[in-house]
Amino acid sequence: MSFKIIIERKFKEPVSQSVLEIIDEIRIKALRDRGYIGGETLVNADNGKEVIVVSSWSSVDDWKTWYEKKDWEDLEKQLGSQLEEPAKVRIFTPGADYSKAST
């Protein structure tokens, strides 16, 4: 079973290349950790201020371990002053896996 981590960020201004590079650096840090499968960054085509990062992890525990190490924190701080509101982090599981777990 794999899990998707969705991180939503709303910026004050449309994102620049430097902002996207910081987000990529966070992903590079995740690449080095156990359980990271992959990810992508999506910018809202109708509103360049909205960015979603979707990452896949082998387990929620692997993601939580990476998140709690806070290796990414300095990079996230670079984004902080540009954010309209704090980033929202949500954890999702594929529907087929969810329905198996709840039966």
N, C-alpha and C. Protein backbone atom coordinates (compact mmCIF):
# COMPACT_ATOMS: atom_id res chain seq x y z
N MET A 1 0.86 -1.17 0.00
CA MET A 1 0.00 0.00 0.00
C MET A 1 0.91 1.24 0.00
N SER A 2 0.57 2.22 -0.80
CA SER A 2 1.32 3.48 -0.79
C SER A 2 0.39 4.61 -0.37
N PHE A 3 0.99 5.69 0.05
CA PHE A 3 0.24 6.84 0.51
C PHE A 3 0.66 8.07 -0.26
N LYS A 4 -0.27 8.97 -0.45
CA LYS A 4 0.00 10.24 -1.10
C LYS A 4 -0.05 11.34 -0.05
N ILE A 5 0.96 12.17 -0.07
CA ILE A 5 0.99 13.34 0.79
C ILE A 5 0.72 14.54 -0.11
N ILE A 6 -0.28 15.30 0.23
CA ILE A 6 -0.66 16.49 -0.55
C ILE A 6 -0.31 17.71 0.29
N ILE A 7 0.53 18.57 -0.27
CA ILE A 7 0.88 19.82 0.40
C ILE A 7 0.39 20.97 -0.47
N GLU A 8 -0.52 21.76 0.08
CA GLU A 8 -1.06 22.92 -0.63
C GLU A 8 -0.42 24.18 -0.10
N ARG A 9 0.06 24.99 -1.03
CA ARG A 9 0.61 26.29 -0.64
C ARG A 9 -0.07 27.37 -1.47
N LYS A 10 -0.46 28.45 -0.79
CA LYS A 10 -1.04 29.62 -1.47
C LYS A 10 -0.08 30.78 -1.24
N PHE A 11 0.48 31.27 -2.33
CA PHE A 11 1.46 32.34 -2.27
C PHE A 11 0.80 33.70 -2.47
N LYS A 12 1.48 34.73 -2.01
CA LYS A 12 0.98 36.11 -2.16
C LYS A 12 1.04 36.57 -3.61
N GLU A 13 2.03 36.07 -4.33
CA GLU A 13 2.25 36.42 -5.74
C GLU A 13 2.38 35.13 -6.55
N PRO A 14 2.18 35.21 -7.87
CA PRO A 14 2.42 34.01 -8.67
C PRO A 14 3.85 33.49 -8.44
N VAL A 15 4.00 32.19 -8.40
CA VAL A 15 5.29 31.60 -8.06
C VAL A 15 6.34 31.90 -9.13
N SER A 16 7.54 32.09 -8.65
CA SER A 16 8.68 32.34 -9.53
C SER A 16 9.48 31.05 -9.69
N GLN A 17 10.42 31.08 -10.59
CA GLN A 17 11.30 29.93 -10.79
C GLN A 17 12.08 29.62 -9.51
N SER A 18 12.48 30.66 -8.78
CA SER A 18 13.25 30.42 -7.55
C SER A 18 12.41 29.71 -6.50
N VAL A 19 11.12 30.00 -6.42
CA VAL A 19 10.23 29.30 -5.49
C VAL A 19 10.13 27.83 -5.89
N LEU A 20 9.97 27.56 -7.16
CA LEU A 20 9.87 26.18 -7.63
C LEU A 20 11.18 25.42 -7.38
N GLU A 21 12.30 26.11 -7.47
CA GLU A 21 13.59 25.48 -7.19
C GLU A 21 13.70 25.11 -5.71
N ILE A 22 13.18 25.94 -4.82
CA ILE A 22 13.19 25.61 -3.39
C ILE A 22 12.34 24.38 -3.13
N ILE A 23 11.18 24.33 -3.74
CA ILE A 23 10.31 23.16 -3.59
C ILE A 23 11.01 21.91 -4.13
N ASP A 24 11.73 22.05 -5.24
CA ASP A 24 12.50 20.91 -5.78
C ASP A 24 13.60 20.47 -4.81
N GLU A 25 14.23 21.41 -4.13
CA GLU A 25 15.27 21.07 -3.16
C GLU A 25 14.69 20.27 -1.99
N ILE A 26 13.47 20.62 -1.59
CA ILE A 26 12.80 19.84 -0.54
C ILE A 26 12.59 18.40 -1.03
N ARG A 27 12.17 18.27 -2.28
CA ARG A 27 11.96 16.93 -2.85
C ARG A 27 13.28 16.15 -2.90
N ILE A 28 14.36 16.82 -3.26
CA ILE A 28 15.66 16.16 -3.32
C ILE A 28 16.04 15.61 -1.94
N LYS A 29 15.74 16.34 -0.89
CA LYS A 29 15.99 15.85 0.46
C LYS A 29 15.17 14.59 0.74
N ALA A 30 13.93 14.58 0.26
CA ALA A 30 13.07 13.41 0.48
C ALA A 30 13.59 12.18 -0.27
N LEU A 31 14.20 12.41 -1.44
CA LEU A 31 14.72 11.31 -2.25
C LEU A 31 15.71 10.44 -1.47
N ARG A 32 16.37 11.02 -0.53
CA ARG A 32 17.40 10.31 0.24
C ARG A 32 16.82 9.49 1.39
N ASP A 33 15.54 9.60 1.61
CA ASP A 33 14.95 8.93 2.77
C ASP A 33 14.20 7.66 2.40
N ARG A 34 14.15 6.79 3.38
CA ARG A 34 13.46 5.51 3.23
C ARG A 34 11.97 5.75 2.97
N GLY A 35 11.45 5.02 2.01
CA GLY A 35 10.01 5.04 1.77
C GLY A 35 9.53 6.04 0.74
N TYR A 36 10.38 6.98 0.34
CA TYR A 36 9.95 7.96 -0.66
C TYR A 36 9.91 7.29 -2.02
N ILE A 37 8.80 7.41 -2.71
CA ILE A 37 8.63 6.80 -4.02
C ILE A 37 8.81 7.82 -5.14
N GLY A 38 8.21 8.98 -4.99
CA GLY A 38 8.32 10.01 -6.02
C GLY A 38 7.33 11.12 -5.74
N GLY A 39 7.37 12.14 -6.60
CA GLY A 39 6.45 13.25 -6.40
C GLY A 39 6.47 14.20 -7.57
N GLU A 40 5.57 15.16 -7.50
CA GLU A 40 5.50 16.19 -8.53
C GLU A 40 4.93 17.47 -7.94
N THR A 41 5.26 18.56 -8.58
CA THR A 41 4.77 19.87 -8.19
C THR A 41 3.81 20.36 -9.26
N LEU A 42 2.65 20.81 -8.82
CA LEU A 42 1.62 21.28 -9.74
C LEU A 42 1.28 22.73 -9.42
N VAL A 43 1.30 23.58 -10.45
CA VAL A 43 0.92 24.98 -10.30
C VAL A 43 -0.44 25.15 -10.98
N ASN A 44 -1.38 25.76 -10.27
CA ASN A 44 -2.72 25.99 -10.81
C ASN A 44 -2.60 26.84 -12.07
N ALA A 45 -3.06 26.31 -13.20
CA ALA A 45 -2.97 27.01 -14.48
C ALA A 45 -3.82 28.28 -14.50
N ASP A 46 -4.86 28.33 -13.67
CA ASP A 46 -5.74 29.50 -13.62
C ASP A 46 -5.35 30.48 -12.53
N ASN A 47 -4.47 30.05 -11.62
CA ASN A 47 -4.06 30.92 -10.52
C ASN A 47 -2.65 30.52 -10.09
N GLY A 48 -1.67 31.21 -10.64
CA GLY A 48 -0.27 30.88 -10.41
C GLY A 48 0.19 31.06 -8.97
N LYS A 49 -0.71 31.47 -8.09
CA LYS A 49 -0.37 31.60 -6.68
C LYS A 49 -0.59 30.30 -5.92
N GLU A 50 -1.27 29.35 -6.53
CA GLU A 50 -1.60 28.08 -5.87
C GLU A 50 -0.71 26.96 -6.40
N VAL A 51 -0.04 26.29 -5.45
CA VAL A 51 0.87 25.20 -5.80
C VAL A 51 0.54 23.99 -4.93
N ILE A 52 0.48 22.84 -5.56
CA ILE A 52 0.25 21.59 -4.85
C ILE A 52 1.44 20.67 -5.12
N VAL A 53 1.96 20.08 -4.06
CA VAL A 53 2.99 19.06 -4.19
C VAL A 53 2.34 17.74 -3.80
N VAL A 54 2.48 16.75 -4.67
CA VAL A 54 1.97 15.41 -4.41
C VAL A 54 3.18 14.48 -4.32
N SER A 55 3.34 13.83 -3.20
CA SER A 55 4.43 12.86 -3.07
C SER A 55 3.86 11.51 -2.67
N SER A 56 4.56 10.47 -3.09
CA SER A 56 4.15 9.10 -2.77
C SER A 56 5.16 8.49 -1.82
N TRP A 57 4.64 7.83 -0.80
CA TRP A 57 5.48 7.19 0.23
C TRP A 57 4.99 5.77 0.45
N SER A 58 5.93 4.90 0.80
CA SER A 58 5.60 3.49 1.06
C SER A 58 4.69 3.33 2.27
N SER A 59 4.89 4.19 3.27
CA SER A 59 4.06 4.11 4.46
C SER A 59 3.94 5.49 5.09
N VAL A 60 2.91 5.66 5.87
CA VAL A 60 2.73 6.91 6.60
C VAL A 60 3.87 7.08 7.60
N ASP A 61 4.32 5.98 8.20
CA ASP A 61 5.42 6.06 9.16
C ASP A 61 6.70 6.57 8.50
N ASP A 62 6.99 6.12 7.26
CA ASP A 62 8.17 6.62 6.56
C ASP A 62 8.07 8.12 6.34
N TRP A 63 6.90 8.58 5.93
CA TRP A 63 6.73 10.02 5.70
C TRP A 63 6.85 10.80 7.02
N LYS A 64 6.21 10.30 8.06
CA LYS A 64 6.27 10.99 9.35
C LYS A 64 7.70 11.06 9.87
N THR A 65 8.47 9.98 9.68
CA THR A 65 9.87 9.98 10.10
C THR A 65 10.63 11.07 9.37
N TRP A 66 10.44 11.15 8.05
CA TRP A 66 11.11 12.20 7.26
C TRP A 66 10.66 13.58 7.71
N TYR A 67 9.37 13.75 7.87
CA TYR A 67 8.80 15.06 8.24
C TYR A 67 9.32 15.51 9.61
N GLU A 68 9.37 14.61 10.56
CA GLU A 68 9.78 14.94 11.92
C GLU A 68 11.28 15.21 12.04
N LYS A 69 12.09 14.72 11.08
CA LYS A 69 13.52 15.03 11.10
C LYS A 69 13.77 16.51 10.80
N LYS A 70 12.85 17.11 10.09
CA LYS A 70 12.88 18.54 9.77
C LYS A 70 14.12 18.97 8.98
N ASP A 71 14.69 18.07 8.18
CA ASP A 71 15.80 18.44 7.30
C ASP A 71 15.37 19.50 6.28
N TRP A 72 14.11 19.58 6.03
CA TRP A 72 13.53 20.46 5.03
C TRP A 72 13.18 21.84 5.60
N GLU A 73 13.24 21.99 6.91
CA GLU A 73 12.69 23.17 7.59
C GLU A 73 13.32 24.49 7.13
N ASP A 74 14.63 24.55 6.92
CA ASP A 74 15.26 25.80 6.47
C ASP A 74 14.75 26.21 5.10
N LEU A 75 14.55 25.23 4.23
CA LEU A 75 14.01 25.54 2.90
C LEU A 75 12.57 26.04 3.01
N GLU A 76 11.79 25.39 3.84
CA GLU A 76 10.38 25.81 4.02
C GLU A 76 10.31 27.23 4.57
N LYS A 77 11.23 27.59 5.45
CA LYS A 77 11.26 28.95 6.00
C LYS A 77 11.48 29.99 4.90
N GLN A 78 12.26 29.62 3.88
CA GLN A 78 12.49 30.53 2.76
C GLN A 78 11.19 30.82 2.01
N LEU A 79 10.28 29.87 2.04
CA LEU A 79 8.98 30.05 1.38
C LEU A 79 8.00 30.81 2.27
N GLY A 80 8.18 30.70 3.59
CA GLY A 80 7.21 31.21 4.56
C GLY A 80 6.76 32.63 4.37
N SER A 81 7.69 33.55 4.14
CA SER A 81 7.33 34.96 4.01
C SER A 81 6.55 35.24 2.72
N GLN A 82 6.62 34.30 1.79
CA GLN A 82 5.93 34.48 0.52
C GLN A 82 4.53 33.86 0.52
N LEU A 83 4.21 33.13 1.58
CA LEU A 83 2.93 32.44 1.65
C LEU A 83 1.82 33.36 2.16
N GLU A 84 0.66 33.20 1.57
CA GLU A 84 -0.53 33.93 2.01
C GLU A 84 -1.07 33.35 3.31
N GLU A 85 -0.90 32.05 3.48
CA GLU A 85 -1.35 31.32 4.67
C GLU A 85 -0.45 30.11 4.85
N PRO A 86 -0.44 29.51 6.03
CA PRO A 86 0.42 28.33 6.23
C PRO A 86 0.07 27.20 5.26
N ALA A 87 1.08 26.43 4.90
CA ALA A 87 0.87 25.28 4.02
C ALA A 87 -0.07 24.28 4.70
N LYS A 88 -0.88 23.61 3.89
CA LYS A 88 -1.78 22.56 4.39
C LYS A 88 -1.22 21.22 3.95
N VAL A 89 -1.07 20.31 4.90
CA VAL A 89 -0.55 18.97 4.62
C VAL A 89 -1.65 17.96 4.90
N ARG A 90 -1.89 17.10 3.90
CA ARG A 90 -2.91 16.06 4.07
C ARG A 90 -2.36 14.72 3.58
N ILE A 91 -2.82 13.65 4.20
CA ILE A 91 -2.38 12.30 3.86
C ILE A 91 -3.56 11.54 3.26
N PHE A 92 -3.32 10.93 2.09
CA PHE A 92 -4.35 10.16 1.41
C PHE A 92 -3.86 8.76 1.11
N THR A 93 -4.79 7.83 1.09
CA THR A 93 -4.51 6.47 0.66
C THR A 93 -5.41 6.16 -0.54
N PRO A 94 -4.96 5.32 -1.48
CA PRO A 94 -5.83 4.97 -2.60
C PRO A 94 -7.14 4.36 -2.09
N GLY A 95 -8.22 4.67 -2.77
CA GLY A 95 -9.54 4.21 -2.35
C GLY A 95 -9.64 2.69 -2.19
N ALA A 96 -9.02 1.95 -3.11
CA ALA A 96 -9.08 0.48 -3.02
C ALA A 96 -8.42 -0.01 -1.74
N ASP A 97 -7.29 0.62 -1.37
CA ASP A 97 -6.61 0.22 -0.14
C ASP A 97 -7.42 0.64 1.09
N TYR A 98 -8.03 1.81 1.00
CA TYR A 98 -8.83 2.31 2.13
C TYR A 98 -10.02 1.38 2.37
N SER A 99 -10.70 1.00 1.31
CA SER A 99 -11.88 0.16 1.50
C SER A 99 -11.50 -1.22 2.04
N LYS A 100 -10.30 -1.73 1.69
CA LYS A 100 -9.84 -3.02 2.22
C LYS A 100 -9.54 -2.90 3.71
N ALA A 101 -8.95 -1.77 4.11
CA ALA A 101 -8.58 -1.57 5.50
C ALA A 101 -9.79 -1.37 6.40
N SER A 102 -10.88 -0.86 5.85
CA SER A 102 -12.03 -0.56 6.70
C SER A 102 -13.05 -1.69 6.74
N THR A 103 -12.75 -2.82 6.07
CA THR A 103 -13.69 -3.96 6.12
C THR A 103 -13.28 -4.97 7.14
